[in-house]
Structures are given as C-alpha cells and as structure tokens.
Protein backbone atom coordinates (compact mmCIF):
# COMPACT_ATOMS: atom_id res chain seq x y z
CA MET A 1 8.70 5.24 -5.46
CA ASP A 2 6.43 4.20 -8.33
CA ASP A 3 8.76 1.91 -9.43
CA ARG A 4 10.25 0.43 -6.11
CA GLY A 5 7.08 -2.15 -6.14
CA THR A 6 8.35 -3.67 -10.28
CA ALA A 7 11.64 -3.52 -9.28
CA PHE A 8 11.16 -5.76 -6.55
CA ARG A 9 8.36 -7.98 -8.14
CA ARG A 10 11.50 -8.71 -10.73
CA LEU A 11 13.86 -9.66 -8.20
CA HIS A 12 11.64 -12.63 -7.42
CA GLU A 13 11.21 -12.95 -11.35
CA GLN A 14 14.76 -13.34 -12.54
CA PRO A 15 16.93 -16.54 -11.99
CA GLY A 16 18.50 -17.42 -8.73
CA THR A 17 18.26 -16.64 -5.21
CA PHE A 18 18.80 -13.57 -3.25
CA ILE A 19 19.28 -12.26 0.22
CA ILE A 20 17.02 -9.73 1.52
CA PRO A 21 18.75 -8.40 5.00
CA ASN A 22 16.85 -6.81 7.89
CA PRO A 23 17.57 -3.36 9.32
CA TRP A 24 16.20 -2.30 12.09
CA ASP A 25 16.62 1.79 11.94
CA ILE A 26 18.10 4.27 9.44
CA GLY A 27 22.22 3.81 9.55
CA THR A 28 21.83 -0.02 8.75
CA ALA A 29 19.21 0.35 6.31
CA ARG A 30 22.45 2.55 4.27
CA ILE A 31 24.74 0.61 5.72
CA LEU A 32 23.45 -2.50 3.91
CA ALA A 33 22.20 -0.40 0.95
CA ALA A 34 25.77 0.86 0.41
CA MET A 35 27.27 -2.97 0.92
CA GLY A 36 25.27 -3.68 -2.30
CA PHE A 37 22.37 -5.93 -1.43
CA PRO A 38 19.27 -5.58 -4.07
CA ALA A 39 16.22 -5.45 -1.25
CA LEU A 40 15.53 -4.42 2.37
CA ALA A 41 12.74 -5.91 4.60
CA THR A 42 11.99 -4.28 8.25
CA THR A 43 12.75 -6.45 11.15
CA SER A 44 9.48 -6.19 13.60
CA ALA A 45 11.16 -7.28 16.55
CA GLY A 46 14.08 -5.06 15.82
CA MET A 47 11.90 -1.98 15.20
CA ALA A 48 10.21 -3.14 19.18
CA PHE A 49 13.76 -3.54 20.39
CA ALA A 50 14.92 -0.21 18.73
CA LEU A 51 12.08 1.18 20.65
CA GLY A 52 12.98 -0.17 23.74
CA VAL A 53 9.46 -2.80 24.11
CA ALA A 54 8.36 -6.13 23.28
CA GLU A 55 7.98 -7.70 20.05
CA GLY A 56 3.82 -6.77 19.36
CA ARG A 57 3.88 -4.26 21.64
CA VAL A 58 4.26 -1.11 18.83
CA PRO A 59 1.40 1.10 17.94
CA ARG A 60 -0.09 1.27 14.46
CA GLU A 61 1.12 4.77 13.96
CA ASP A 62 4.63 3.88 15.48
CA ALA A 63 5.23 1.14 13.20
CA LEU A 64 4.38 2.85 10.28
CA ARG A 65 6.53 5.77 10.94
CA HIS A 66 9.04 3.39 11.41
CA CYS A 67 8.71 1.36 8.51
CA ARG A 68 8.69 5.16 6.27
CA ASP A 69 11.91 6.51 7.70
CA ILE A 70 12.94 3.00 6.20
CA ALA A 71 11.35 3.32 3.07
CA GLU A 72 13.05 6.62 2.74
CA ALA A 73 16.58 5.71 4.22
CA THR A 74 18.00 4.53 0.42
CA ALA A 75 16.59 3.73 -3.05
CA LEU A 76 16.49 0.26 -2.74
CA PRO A 77 12.74 -0.84 -2.64
CA VAL A 78 11.61 -2.48 1.25
CA SER A 79 9.22 -4.97 2.59
CA ALA A 80 7.96 -4.38 6.12
CA ASP A 81 6.85 -6.68 8.81
CA LEU A 82 4.00 -6.04 9.91
CA GLU A 83 3.07 -8.88 11.45
CA LYS A 84 -0.71 -9.58 11.68
CA GLY A 85 -1.44 -6.22 10.37
CA PHE A 86 -3.60 -3.76 12.94
CA ASP A 87 -6.48 -5.90 13.49
CA ASP A 88 -8.12 -9.65 12.98
CA SER A 89 -10.06 -8.75 10.57
CA PRO A 90 -10.09 -8.68 6.51
CA GLU A 91 -11.01 -5.67 6.18
CA SER A 92 -8.08 -4.68 8.61
CA ALA A 93 -6.13 -6.78 5.97
CA ALA A 94 -6.69 -4.60 3.09
CA GLU A 95 -6.55 -1.38 5.25
CA THR A 96 -3.08 -2.44 5.99
CA ILE A 97 -2.41 -2.94 2.55
CA ARG A 98 -3.20 1.06 1.97
CA ALA A 99 -1.18 2.06 4.58
CA ALA A 100 2.12 0.27 3.85
CA ALA A 101 1.48 1.54 0.06
CA GLY A 102 1.06 4.68 1.51
CA ILE A 103 4.14 5.40 2.99
CA GLY A 104 6.44 4.22 -0.11
CA LEU A 105 7.15 0.51 0.83
CA ALA A 106 7.32 -1.87 -2.30
CA GLY A 107 6.17 -4.97 -0.09
CA CYS A 108 4.60 -6.23 3.12
CA SER A 109 4.22 -9.32 4.73
CA LEU A 110 0.86 -10.47 6.70
CA GLU A 111 0.61 -13.52 9.49
CA ASP A 112 -1.88 -15.58 10.34
CA HIS A 113 -0.56 -15.54 13.98
CA THR A 114 -3.25 -13.85 16.18
CA GLY A 115 -0.83 -12.09 18.72
CA ARG A 116 -2.89 -14.54 21.78
CA PRO A 117 -0.09 -17.38 22.91
CA ASP A 118 -3.54 -19.25 24.02
CA ASP A 119 -5.16 -19.50 20.93
CA PRO A 120 -1.59 -18.48 18.11
CA ILE A 121 -3.13 -19.16 15.08
CA TYR A 122 -5.99 -17.73 13.19
CA ASP A 123 -9.03 -20.30 11.51
CA PHE A 124 -8.24 -22.02 8.45
CA THR A 125 -11.14 -19.86 6.69
CA LEU A 126 -10.44 -16.30 8.51
CA ALA A 127 -6.80 -16.77 7.78
CA VAL A 128 -7.50 -17.30 3.99
CA GLU A 129 -10.19 -14.68 4.17
CA ARG A 130 -7.61 -12.35 4.95
CA ILE A 131 -5.16 -12.87 2.34
CA ASP A 132 -7.68 -12.91 -0.67
CA ALA A 133 -8.55 -9.30 0.97
CA ALA A 134 -4.84 -8.27 1.15
CA ALA A 135 -4.62 -9.38 -2.29
CA ARG A 136 -7.36 -7.60 -3.67
CA ALA A 137 -6.16 -4.29 -2.06
CA SER A 138 -3.14 -4.69 -3.20
CA GLY A 139 -4.54 -5.47 -7.14
CA ALA A 140 -6.29 -2.23 -6.82
CA LEU A 141 -3.35 0.24 -5.84
CA ARG A 142 -1.92 2.56 -8.59
CA ARG A 143 1.58 1.10 -8.75
CA ASP A 144 3.05 -2.97 -7.77
CA PHE A 145 3.15 -3.91 -4.65
CA VAL A 146 4.16 -7.51 -3.39
CA LEU A 147 2.39 -9.73 -0.81
CA THR A 148 4.10 -11.95 1.08
CA ALA A 149 1.49 -14.31 2.80
CA ARG A 150 3.26 -16.08 6.19
CA CYS A 151 1.88 -19.56 7.77
CA GLU A 152 3.07 -19.40 11.23
CA ASN A 153 2.92 -22.67 12.90
CA PHE A 154 6.32 -23.73 13.04
CA LEU A 155 7.11 -20.48 15.43
CA TRP A 156 4.00 -21.58 18.14
CA GLY A 157 4.22 -24.86 18.71
CA ARG A 158 2.42 -26.26 15.83
CA PRO A 159 4.92 -28.32 13.96
CA ASP A 160 2.27 -29.13 11.67
CA LEU A 161 4.28 -29.65 7.53
CA ASP A 162 1.34 -30.75 6.36
CA ASP A 163 -1.47 -27.89 8.01
CA THR A 164 1.78 -25.54 6.65
CA VAL A 165 1.72 -26.61 3.08
CA ARG A 166 -2.69 -26.56 2.72
CA ARG A 167 -2.03 -23.11 4.49
CA LEU A 168 0.66 -21.58 2.02
CA GLN A 169 -1.24 -23.25 -0.73
CA ALA A 170 -4.08 -21.93 0.09
CA TYR A 171 -2.78 -18.77 0.69
CA GLU A 172 -0.96 -18.79 -2.91
CA LYS A 173 -4.40 -19.47 -4.18
CA ALA A 174 -5.94 -16.04 -2.31
CA GLY A 175 -3.27 -14.15 -4.26
CA ALA A 176 -0.25 -13.81 -2.29
CA ASP A 177 2.97 -13.39 -4.50
CA VAL A 178 5.02 -14.70 -2.44
CA LEU A 179 5.24 -17.42 0.53
CA TYR A 180 6.93 -18.07 4.03
CA ALA A 181 6.80 -20.03 6.58
CA PRO A 182 9.61 -19.19 9.26
CA GLY A 183 11.07 -21.96 11.41
CA LEU A 184 11.31 -24.58 8.99
CA ARG A 185 14.68 -26.58 10.41
CA ASP A 186 16.19 -28.75 8.23
CA LEU A 187 16.22 -28.86 3.91
CA ALA A 188 14.32 -31.10 3.42
CA THR A 189 11.50 -29.90 5.13
CA ILE A 190 11.88 -26.52 3.30
CA GLN A 191 12.08 -28.67 -0.16
CA THR A 192 8.57 -30.16 0.38
CA VAL A 193 7.12 -26.48 0.85
CA CYS A 194 8.90 -24.95 -2.07
CA SER A 195 8.08 -27.97 -4.28
CA ALA A 196 4.27 -27.59 -2.93
CA LEU A 197 4.32 -23.86 -4.28
CA THR A 198 4.49 -22.25 -7.81
CA LYS A 199 5.13 -19.07 -6.39
CA PRO A 200 8.31 -17.77 -4.88
CA VAL A 201 9.54 -18.86 -1.44
CA ASN A 202 10.52 -17.02 1.28
CA VAL A 203 12.66 -18.23 3.53
CA VAL A 204 14.47 -17.11 6.84
CA MET A 205 18.01 -17.75 8.08
CA GLY A 206 19.67 -16.34 11.55
CA LEU A 207 17.55 -19.34 13.55
CA PRO A 208 19.32 -21.56 15.93
CA GLY A 209 20.34 -24.62 14.14
CA THR A 210 19.44 -23.47 10.49
CA ALA A 211 22.62 -22.27 9.44
CA PHE A 212 22.26 -23.13 5.70
CA SER A 213 24.21 -21.63 2.78
CA VAL A 214 22.65 -19.47 -0.20
CA ALA A 215 23.40 -22.11 -2.22
CA ASP A 216 21.90 -24.83 0.06
CA LEU A 217 18.61 -23.03 -0.02
CA ALA A 218 18.84 -22.11 -4.07
CA GLN A 219 18.73 -25.82 -4.86
CA ALA A 220 16.11 -26.28 -2.08
CA GLY A 221 14.02 -24.14 -4.45
CA VAL A 222 14.12 -21.16 -2.28
CA LYS A 223 13.49 -17.68 -3.99
CA ARG A 224 14.40 -15.31 -1.10
CA ILE A 225 16.11 -15.22 2.03
CA SER A 226 15.82 -12.88 4.95
CA VAL A 227 17.53 -12.73 8.65
CA GLY A 228 14.94 -11.74 10.59
CA SER A 229 15.83 -10.30 13.46
CA ALA A 230 19.27 -11.78 13.51
CA LEU A 231 21.37 -8.92 12.70
CA ALA A 232 19.59 -6.60 15.37
CA ARG A 233 20.44 -9.76 18.11
CA LEU A 234 23.52 -9.62 16.95
CA ALA A 235 24.23 -5.83 17.61
CA TYR A 236 22.49 -5.95 21.00
CA GLY A 237 24.70 -9.13 22.14
CA ALA A 238 27.79 -7.52 21.30
CA PHE A 239 26.84 -4.40 23.51
CA VAL A 240 25.26 -6.21 26.23
CA SER A 241 28.43 -8.24 26.19
CA ALA A 242 30.71 -4.56 26.17
CA ALA A 243 28.22 -3.54 28.68
CA ARG A 244 28.66 -6.34 30.84
CA GLU A 245 32.51 -6.48 30.79
CA MET A 246 32.37 -2.76 31.98
CA ARG A 247 30.05 -3.42 34.31
CA GLN A 248 31.67 -6.27 35.89
CA GLN A 249 35.11 -6.70 35.16
CA GLY A 250 36.05 -2.61 34.66
CA THR A 251 37.74 -3.81 31.32
CA PHE A 252 37.41 -1.96 27.93
CA ARG A 253 38.53 -5.07 25.69
CA PHE A 254 35.48 -4.93 23.43
CA SER A 255 36.69 -1.92 21.62
CA GLU A 256 39.28 -3.91 19.99
CA SER A 257 37.23 -6.08 18.15
CA ALA A 258 34.58 -2.52 17.50
CA MET A 259 34.74 -1.21 13.58
CA GLY A 260 37.09 1.89 13.05
CA PHE A 261 35.39 5.22 13.41
CA ALA A 262 36.33 6.03 9.40
CA GLU A 263 35.26 2.86 8.26
CA LEU A 264 31.82 3.33 9.83
CA GLU A 265 31.54 6.92 9.07
CA GLY A 266 32.09 5.99 5.39
CA PHE A 267 28.98 3.98 5.26
CA PHE A 268 27.56 7.55 5.46
CA THR A 269 29.77 9.77 3.55
CA GLY A 270 29.82 7.66 0.55
CA VAL A 271 33.72 6.52 0.41
CA SER A 272 32.81 3.37 1.86
CA THR A 273 34.71 0.44 -0.11
CA ALA A 274 32.39 -2.39 1.34
C-alpha cells in the first residue's frame, strides 16, 4: 500500500482529466476496479445508506472500518470522504489524516461543513487552521498522501462564489493538494473556480442539472471528476422501484432489466469482459 499514495498523486500530475467513481461497499469497489478505473473514492452518504443510517450519523470506528474495507478490496488508490473529520478542532483534523493513512488510504477529503444546520460553515479562520493542521499531518507521514479540501458553501445555502474562491485559495495556500467545491451548477462557474487555483480541482457529477461530459469539464480546467452518492442513489432507486412494483402491483417486470447472474458474478471471478 505504500505506493498507492504516490500512484494517486501521479494521476493528478499527468495530462488529462480522470474519473474517480464512488463505490459504497466491497462488491461495487471490485466491479469498478474490474472496469478499469484508476482510483476510487468512498462516499459518506453511500456508506451511511449501506449501514442503514442517515448521512453524518456513522460513528468514527464504523466509518474507518468501512473505508479500510474499500481500501483493501482492490489494488487501486482510495480517497475517503471523511466529511468534517472526527471533530471541529485543527488537532482533530490532523488526527483524521493520521487515522486515514493508518488504514491504507491514499488520500481523503475534509469539509468546512460543521454538521450544524443552524451554522453550517466553519468560520474562515478556523476552516483554514483545520486544513493547515491536516496538511502538516499529511506532510509528516512516512508515505505519500493526497489531501483534498472541500468548500461546502453551495451545498448549504451559501452560493457565494467570491467566498468560495477565497476559501479554496486559502486552503490551497495552507497545503491542500486538491480543491473541491461541490454544488457548482454551470461550466462558467466551474471554470472561474479552476482558473483561480493552481492545484488540481475535483468536481462532482451526478447532481440534478449537472450532466456535463468529461470533455466539457476538462475544457473548464477540471482535473478529477467524482460522482459522490450518485451510483448508490441509482442502485437504491432501482431497488425501491422494484420493491414498489412487487408490493403495489404484484408484478416482477423489474427482473427484465436486472443484470444476468453470470455477468455479475464474472466481476468477482476475474472473467468479466468489462
């Protein structure tokens, strides 16, 4: 696993834009690896749904266990969505990095979302101090580790582009390796963010109204594309639709669009032609 952080960083340094999809369990991680994706990222929402709880309600040890399972499922680098980390302080942010590295992750993301709906975004100074502490902890590790800093303004009722750029620039200066502002809805805004930064930018696809192509995003300056909880929501949506059909209509037409058993099993036996 010592080489995974280095491999992950190289993905951000090489030409072009890459997709880092988000599995939510061991099986989906292995399917995505078999399909040829170069790296994986966990999804905090997908993890929570798989555990049967709401997002943000997964205890630290359960979250780390889940991320370790994903990291050990394949040989690919894995970056974890660790939300705000394990607490609010800069010291906690640093501890989050050390814990993430300790379970074999190649990187992780930290948010400036407080987890409190009445006061959703950390004060600017504290937010920067948290990323500074995380970056220092990352730099002190014995192996490479890619730190992604997230500005959550657009997801929490604060669509302030100037403040978002200001925060991302400060996180970049504090030592973050990748910058990320989920919730950007148009290519012009994405390009503005990318142009304001010198380090790689991650953009999330899969949100309603943001169905841009890899080519579109590459032209806007994006280096990395994730899909957050979109794959998990797609799968759960199909599951719920099938369950409703059985419960409400007494029919089983959903099975006509289900993947064949042999094809699905092929991902786990090494005979898939994905």
